[in-house]
Amino acid sequence: MKPILLTLIASVFTQSAIAADAPAKPVKVFILAGQSNMQGQGMVSSLAEMKVEKPGTLASMLKDPSKAPLLKTWVNAKGEWAEGRDDVWVWDVNEFGNRHGRLEFGYGWNPGSRMWFGPEMQFGHLVGDQFDNQVLIIKTAWGGRDLYKDFRPPGSGGTVGPFYTEMIGTVKKVLGDLKGQFPSYAGQGYELAGFVWWHGWNDFCSPDKGTPEYEKNLTNLINDVRRELNVPKLPVVIGEFTGPWGADCKEAAALTIRKAQQTVAEKPEFAGTVKFVVTHGFVRTEEQSPTGEGYHEFKNGETYFLLGDAFGKAIKTLLPK
């Protein structure tokens, strides 16, 4: 055999061996945090619970030719709901319990019930498609918690909020036991890649305390999360407080919260690393939705799909090129 051919063969085997031995890329970790809306109030189907398929569920969207294409990555070739994806993991905790596993329905406010989902679904599909890496979403969301007291960050002074402490503690606990929580983890390490904050109702309900302090507390929350997790430029997405009003909001306190969220994102020190996402256009009416719970966007599945889509697209713009 000619020497040049032997050299080529050796090169091929060497490159293959290097590729086989190359360590897997680190897990990309995203934190989704907030209150009951971030838990996930989107309804997959109302048929089992209400004996009729209400408008605004995902099942209703699938029957609408103008909306069904939005869900193309959520269904299989038969038009049935896909089983989920193994390259995106979720670790979810709220006051009703916790759950972890691959990305699929069931990480909503009622852990384990496949009737519910939140922004993590479409967000997970977008960031999962963005990377060759495994992706982990850690979702820490508790209903009825404000930023003024419950999530109060250390930088705001006073007593640190117990749910700020639990959020940080949960992230550290999960990252410290990746193999135990996700057996397919191969020891490749991890990289904290983003933080999404969607919140506002309880501070809106506190116009004398929570509302006027929201800008200060949100600024400190971002700085303190970055400091505690040792990621000084951690990409952050702030989802606009929606409520039941959508674009027709006239509530002064709600408008103050929304303005505070936008102002924080536009601070010079956060340039290029924090983004405010306008969400009020995603809110549908009660008549277009499964329920009358306006404080949960009427549990409208389309709304929650669009929220996750917007958060995912926003975080992608902040990721290193």
Protein backbone atom coordinates (compact mmCIF):
# COMPACT_ATOMS: atom_id res chain seq x y z
CA MET A 1 0.00 0.00 0.00
CA LYS A 2 1.35 3.41 -0.90
CA PRO A 3 2.58 5.62 1.96
CA ILE A 4 0.25 8.48 1.03
CA LEU A 5 -2.80 6.17 1.24
CA LEU A 6 -1.65 4.83 4.60
CA THR A 7 -1.29 8.41 5.83
CA LEU A 8 -4.83 9.28 4.69
CA ILE A 9 -6.29 6.18 6.36
CA ALA A 10 -4.43 6.95 9.58
CA SER A 11 -5.69 10.52 9.46
CA VAL A 12 -9.30 9.38 9.08
CA PHE A 13 -9.04 6.97 12.01
CA THR A 14 -7.32 9.63 14.15
CA GLN A 15 -10.01 12.23 13.40
CA SER A 16 -12.75 9.67 14.15
CA ALA A 17 -11.11 8.81 17.45
CA ILE A 18 -10.84 12.48 18.38
CA ALA A 19 -14.49 13.03 17.53
CA ALA A 20 -15.53 10.00 19.55
CA ASP A 21 -13.46 11.11 22.54
CA ALA A 22 -14.48 14.76 22.35
CA PRO A 23 -16.38 15.79 25.47
CA ALA A 24 -20.06 16.60 25.08
CA LYS A 25 -20.92 20.26 25.05
CA PRO A 26 -22.06 21.71 28.39
CA VAL A 27 -25.74 21.74 29.22
CA LYS A 28 -27.30 25.13 28.50
CA VAL A 29 -29.35 26.17 31.53
CA PHE A 30 -32.23 28.65 31.48
CA ILE A 31 -34.15 29.84 34.55
CA LEU A 32 -37.83 30.78 34.19
CA ALA A 33 -39.21 32.53 37.26
CA GLY A 34 -42.26 34.44 38.44
CA GLN A 35 -45.68 33.76 39.91
CA SER A 36 -48.81 31.84 38.89
CA ASN A 37 -48.74 32.94 35.25
CA MET A 38 -45.22 31.63 34.81
CA GLN A 39 -46.32 28.36 36.44
CA GLY A 40 -48.35 27.79 33.31
CA GLN A 41 -52.08 28.25 33.08
CA GLY A 42 -52.44 27.42 29.38
CA MET A 43 -55.05 24.77 28.64
CA VAL A 44 -54.29 21.93 26.23
CA SER A 45 -57.90 20.71 26.03
CA SER A 46 -61.07 21.41 27.98
CA LEU A 47 -62.91 18.31 26.78
CA ALA A 48 -62.29 16.06 29.79
CA GLU A 49 -63.00 18.74 32.39
CA MET A 50 -65.79 20.72 30.70
CA LYS A 51 -67.28 18.07 28.36
CA VAL A 52 -66.82 20.45 25.44
CA GLU A 53 -63.81 21.85 23.59
CA LYS A 54 -63.72 25.52 24.45
CA PRO A 55 -62.18 28.19 22.24
CA GLY A 56 -58.62 29.13 23.08
CA THR A 57 -57.36 25.63 23.93
CA LEU A 58 -54.54 24.07 21.95
CA ALA A 59 -56.97 21.43 20.69
CA SER A 60 -59.13 24.22 19.28
CA MET A 61 -56.08 25.78 17.65
CA LEU A 62 -55.32 22.51 15.88
CA LYS A 63 -58.75 22.63 14.25
CA ASP A 64 -58.19 26.17 12.99
CA PRO A 65 -56.27 26.18 9.65
CA SER A 66 -54.92 29.66 10.38
CA LYS A 67 -53.47 28.66 13.77
CA ALA A 68 -52.62 24.97 13.48
CA PRO A 69 -49.28 25.67 11.68
CA LEU A 70 -48.02 27.39 14.84
CA LEU A 71 -48.09 24.02 16.61
CA LYS A 72 -46.33 22.01 13.91
CA THR A 73 -43.38 21.09 16.14
CA TRP A 74 -45.75 19.98 18.91
CA VAL A 75 -47.48 17.26 16.89
CA ASN A 76 -46.31 14.10 15.14
CA ALA A 77 -46.87 12.92 11.57
CA LYS A 78 -50.34 11.63 12.54
CA GLY A 79 -51.41 15.00 13.83
CA GLU A 80 -51.32 13.77 17.43
CA TRP A 81 -49.47 15.45 20.28
CA ALA A 82 -45.79 14.53 20.13
CA GLU A 83 -44.26 12.60 23.02
CA GLY A 84 -41.86 15.40 23.91
CA ARG A 85 -38.17 15.87 23.29
CA ASP A 86 -35.27 14.24 25.08
CA ASP A 87 -32.74 16.98 24.30
CA VAL A 88 -34.58 19.49 26.51
CA TRP A 89 -35.10 18.79 30.20
CA VAL A 90 -37.33 20.63 32.66
CA TRP A 91 -37.09 20.88 36.44
CA ASP A 92 -40.23 22.60 37.74
CA VAL A 93 -41.33 23.63 41.23
CA ASN A 94 -44.34 25.53 42.55
CA GLU A 95 -46.57 25.46 45.63
CA PHE A 96 -48.43 22.43 44.28
CA GLY A 97 -45.36 20.22 43.95
CA ASN A 98 -42.47 19.60 41.61
CA ARG A 99 -41.71 17.54 38.55
CA HIS A 100 -38.73 16.92 36.31
CA GLY A 101 -38.08 15.13 33.05
CA ARG A 102 -38.10 15.78 29.34
CA LEU A 103 -39.94 18.71 27.77
CA GLU A 104 -43.62 17.89 27.28
CA PHE A 105 -47.03 18.96 28.54
CA GLY A 106 -47.56 18.80 32.28
CA TYR A 107 -45.25 21.47 33.73
CA GLY A 108 -48.13 23.85 34.38
CA TRP A 109 -49.67 24.89 37.67
CA ASN A 110 -50.84 21.32 38.35
CA PRO A 111 -47.63 19.25 38.09
CA GLY A 112 -48.13 16.03 36.19
CA SER A 113 -51.48 16.88 34.60
CA ARG A 114 -51.02 16.97 30.84
CA MET A 115 -53.93 19.40 30.60
CA TRP A 116 -51.70 22.38 31.46
CA PHE A 117 -48.56 24.01 30.11
CA GLY A 118 -46.69 27.29 30.39
CA PRO A 119 -44.17 29.40 28.50
CA GLU A 120 -41.57 26.65 28.92
CA MET A 121 -43.09 24.60 26.08
CA GLN A 122 -42.47 26.84 23.09
CA PHE A 123 -39.47 28.46 24.80
CA GLY A 124 -37.98 24.98 25.18
CA HIS A 125 -38.57 24.13 21.53
CA LEU A 126 -36.86 27.32 20.36
CA VAL A 127 -33.77 27.07 22.56
CA GLY A 128 -33.62 23.32 21.99
CA ASP A 129 -33.44 23.93 18.25
CA GLN A 130 -30.83 26.64 18.81
CA PHE A 131 -28.19 24.36 20.35
CA ASP A 132 -26.53 21.01 19.76
CA ASN A 133 -26.13 20.99 23.54
CA GLN A 134 -28.57 19.44 25.95
CA VAL A 135 -30.85 22.17 27.37
CA LEU A 136 -32.19 22.37 30.92
CA ILE A 137 -35.02 24.69 31.95
CA ILE A 138 -35.34 25.29 35.69
CA LYS A 139 -38.75 26.82 36.39
CA THR A 140 -39.34 28.35 39.82
CA ALA A 141 -42.76 29.99 40.07
CA TRP A 142 -45.13 30.38 43.01
CA GLY A 143 -48.60 31.89 42.80
CA GLY A 144 -49.51 35.12 44.58
CA ARG A 145 -45.93 36.23 45.34
CA ASP A 146 -44.76 39.81 45.06
CA LEU A 147 -41.33 41.27 44.38
CA TYR A 148 -41.67 43.77 47.20
CA LYS A 149 -41.59 41.09 49.93
CA ASP A 150 -41.72 37.46 48.69
CA PHE A 151 -39.01 37.70 46.02
CA ARG A 152 -37.30 40.70 47.61
CA PRO A 153 -33.65 40.67 46.54
CA PRO A 154 -30.79 41.37 48.95
CA GLY A 155 -29.87 44.59 47.16
CA SER A 156 -33.18 46.18 48.11
CA GLY A 157 -32.43 46.04 51.82
CA GLY A 158 -34.68 44.72 54.54
CA THR A 159 -35.53 41.04 54.87
CA VAL A 160 -34.57 38.96 51.85
CA GLY A 161 -37.65 37.39 50.32
CA PRO A 162 -38.11 33.69 51.12
CA PHE A 163 -38.95 32.91 47.51
CA TYR A 164 -35.87 34.73 46.26
CA THR A 165 -33.90 32.47 48.59
CA GLU A 166 -35.81 29.38 47.45
CA MET A 167 -35.35 30.26 43.79
CA ILE A 168 -31.58 30.58 44.13
CA GLY A 169 -31.40 27.51 46.37
CA THR A 170 -33.39 25.43 43.88
CA VAL A 171 -31.12 26.40 40.99
CA LYS A 172 -28.01 25.50 42.97
CA LYS A 173 -29.52 22.24 44.24
CA VAL A 174 -30.51 21.06 40.76
CA LEU A 175 -27.19 22.03 39.19
CA GLY A 176 -25.38 20.24 42.01
CA ASP A 177 -27.20 16.97 41.30
CA LEU A 178 -27.65 16.84 37.53
CA LYS A 179 -26.84 13.13 37.33
CA GLY A 180 -29.31 12.31 40.07
CA GLN A 181 -32.09 14.35 38.52
CA PHE A 182 -31.37 13.46 34.88
CA PRO A 183 -29.72 10.03 34.51
CA SER A 184 -28.74 10.68 30.87
CA TYR A 185 -26.51 13.55 31.97
CA ALA A 186 -22.99 12.56 30.96
CA GLY A 187 -20.94 14.82 33.21
CA GLN A 188 -20.34 17.43 30.51
CA GLY A 189 -20.82 20.38 32.84
CA TYR A 190 -23.25 23.22 32.40
CA GLU A 191 -23.48 26.87 31.42
CA LEU A 192 -26.06 29.29 32.81
CA ALA A 193 -27.40 30.81 29.62
CA GLY A 194 -30.44 32.93 30.50
CA PHE A 195 -33.06 34.12 32.97
CA VAL A 196 -36.70 34.94 32.14
CA TRP A 197 -38.82 36.91 34.58
CA TRP A 198 -42.60 37.12 34.04
CA HIS A 199 -44.43 38.61 36.97
CA GLY A 200 -46.33 41.61 38.32
CA TRP A 201 -49.84 40.86 39.60
CA ASN A 202 -49.24 41.04 43.35
CA ASP A 203 -47.13 44.18 43.15
CA PHE A 204 -49.89 45.73 41.03
CA CYS A 205 -52.27 44.81 43.86
CA SER A 206 -50.04 46.75 46.28
CA PRO A 207 -50.15 50.32 44.90
CA ASP A 208 -48.74 51.86 48.09
CA LYS A 209 -45.72 49.53 48.42
CA GLY A 210 -45.10 47.03 45.63
CA THR A 211 -45.96 49.27 42.68
CA PRO A 212 -43.73 52.29 43.48
CA GLU A 213 -40.77 50.06 44.38
CA TYR A 214 -41.04 47.74 41.39
CA GLU A 215 -38.35 49.39 39.26
CA LYS A 216 -35.83 49.40 42.12
CA ASN A 217 -36.60 45.84 43.16
CA LEU A 218 -36.45 44.45 39.64
CA THR A 219 -33.11 46.15 39.01
CA ASN A 220 -31.74 44.63 42.19
CA LEU A 221 -33.22 41.23 41.36
CA ILE A 222 -31.28 41.08 38.10
CA ASN A 223 -28.04 42.24 39.73
CA ASP A 224 -28.38 39.87 42.68
CA VAL A 225 -29.28 36.81 40.58
CA ARG A 226 -26.22 37.47 38.42
CA ARG A 227 -24.03 37.89 41.50
CA GLU A 228 -25.37 34.82 43.34
CA LEU A 229 -24.95 32.61 40.26
CA ASN A 230 -21.63 34.21 39.29
CA VAL A 231 -22.69 35.17 35.75
CA PRO A 232 -22.18 38.98 35.54
CA LYS A 233 -23.71 39.34 32.08
CA LEU A 234 -26.39 36.65 32.32
CA PRO A 235 -28.94 37.33 29.53
CA VAL A 236 -32.27 38.40 31.03
CA VAL A 237 -35.71 38.66 29.44
CA ILE A 238 -38.45 40.61 31.22
CA GLY A 239 -41.96 39.65 30.15
CA GLU A 240 -44.48 42.47 30.30
CA PHE A 241 -47.15 42.19 33.00
CA THR A 242 -50.34 41.35 31.14
CA GLY A 243 -53.38 40.94 33.38
CA PRO A 244 -56.83 40.62 31.79
CA TRP A 245 -56.74 43.94 29.98
CA GLY A 246 -54.39 43.31 27.07
CA ALA A 247 -53.75 46.45 25.05
CA ASP A 248 -56.79 48.14 26.63
CA CYS A 249 -55.23 48.51 30.07
CA LYS A 250 -56.35 51.64 31.93
CA GLU A 251 -55.29 50.61 35.44
CA ALA A 252 -52.73 53.15 36.69
CA ALA A 253 -50.84 50.68 38.88
CA ALA A 254 -50.63 48.13 36.06
CA LEU A 255 -49.30 50.77 33.67
CA THR A 256 -46.73 51.74 36.30
CA ILE A 257 -45.54 48.14 36.60
CA ARG A 258 -45.28 47.82 32.81
CA LYS A 259 -43.35 51.08 32.53
CA ALA A 260 -41.01 50.04 35.34
CA GLN A 261 -40.25 46.75 33.55
CA GLN A 262 -39.43 48.56 30.32
CA THR A 263 -37.34 51.19 32.11
CA VAL A 264 -35.24 48.53 33.82
CA ALA A 265 -34.48 46.82 30.52
CA GLU A 266 -33.39 50.14 29.02
CA LYS A 267 -30.92 51.02 31.77
CA PRO A 268 -27.45 51.72 30.27
CA GLU A 269 -25.77 49.15 32.51
CA PHE A 270 -28.02 46.45 31.06
CA ALA A 271 -27.45 47.37 27.42
CA GLY A 272 -27.23 44.27 25.21
CA THR A 273 -27.95 41.87 28.07
CA VAL A 274 -31.53 42.62 29.19
CA LYS A 275 -34.60 42.75 26.97
CA PHE A 276 -38.21 43.75 27.66
CA VAL A 277 -40.84 41.77 25.77
CA VAL A 278 -44.21 43.39 25.07
CA THR A 279 -46.90 40.75 25.69
CA HIS A 280 -50.23 42.57 26.02
CA GLY A 281 -51.09 41.83 22.39
CA PHE A 282 -51.17 38.11 23.17
CA VAL A 283 -54.14 38.39 25.55
CA ARG A 284 -57.42 37.16 24.11
CA THR A 285 -60.91 37.99 25.33
CA GLU A 286 -62.89 35.85 27.73
CA GLU A 287 -65.20 34.88 24.86
CA GLN A 288 -62.19 33.58 22.91
CA SER A 289 -60.89 31.58 25.89
CA PRO A 290 -61.62 28.49 28.00
CA THR A 291 -62.33 30.30 31.31
CA GLY A 292 -63.05 33.65 32.88
CA GLU A 293 -59.81 33.85 34.89
CA GLY A 294 -58.54 37.14 33.52
CA TYR A 295 -55.65 37.25 35.97
CA HIS A 296 -54.41 34.04 34.26
CA GLU A 297 -54.97 35.34 30.72
CA PHE A 298 -58.26 33.37 30.73
CA LYS A 299 -56.15 30.18 30.60
CA ASN A 300 -55.88 30.70 26.85
CA GLY A 301 -53.54 28.17 25.22
CA GLU A 302 -52.78 30.42 22.27
CA THR A 303 -51.70 33.18 24.64
CA TYR A 304 -49.29 30.89 26.46
CA PHE A 305 -47.88 29.57 23.20
CA LEU A 306 -47.24 33.12 21.99
CA LEU A 307 -45.65 34.10 25.31
CA GLY A 308 -43.20 31.20 25.20
CA ASP A 309 -42.44 31.98 21.57
CA ALA A 310 -41.72 35.63 22.33
CA PHE A 311 -39.55 34.83 25.34
CA GLY A 312 -37.57 32.25 23.34
CA LYS A 313 -37.00 34.59 20.41
CA ALA A 314 -35.96 37.38 22.77
CA ILE A 315 -33.42 35.29 24.68
CA LYS A 316 -31.88 34.13 21.39
CA THR A 317 -31.08 37.75 20.50
CA LEU A 318 -29.08 38.09 23.73
CA LEU A 319 -27.06 34.89 23.39
CA PRO A 320 -23.39 35.18 22.37
CA LYS A 321 -22.96 34.95 18.63
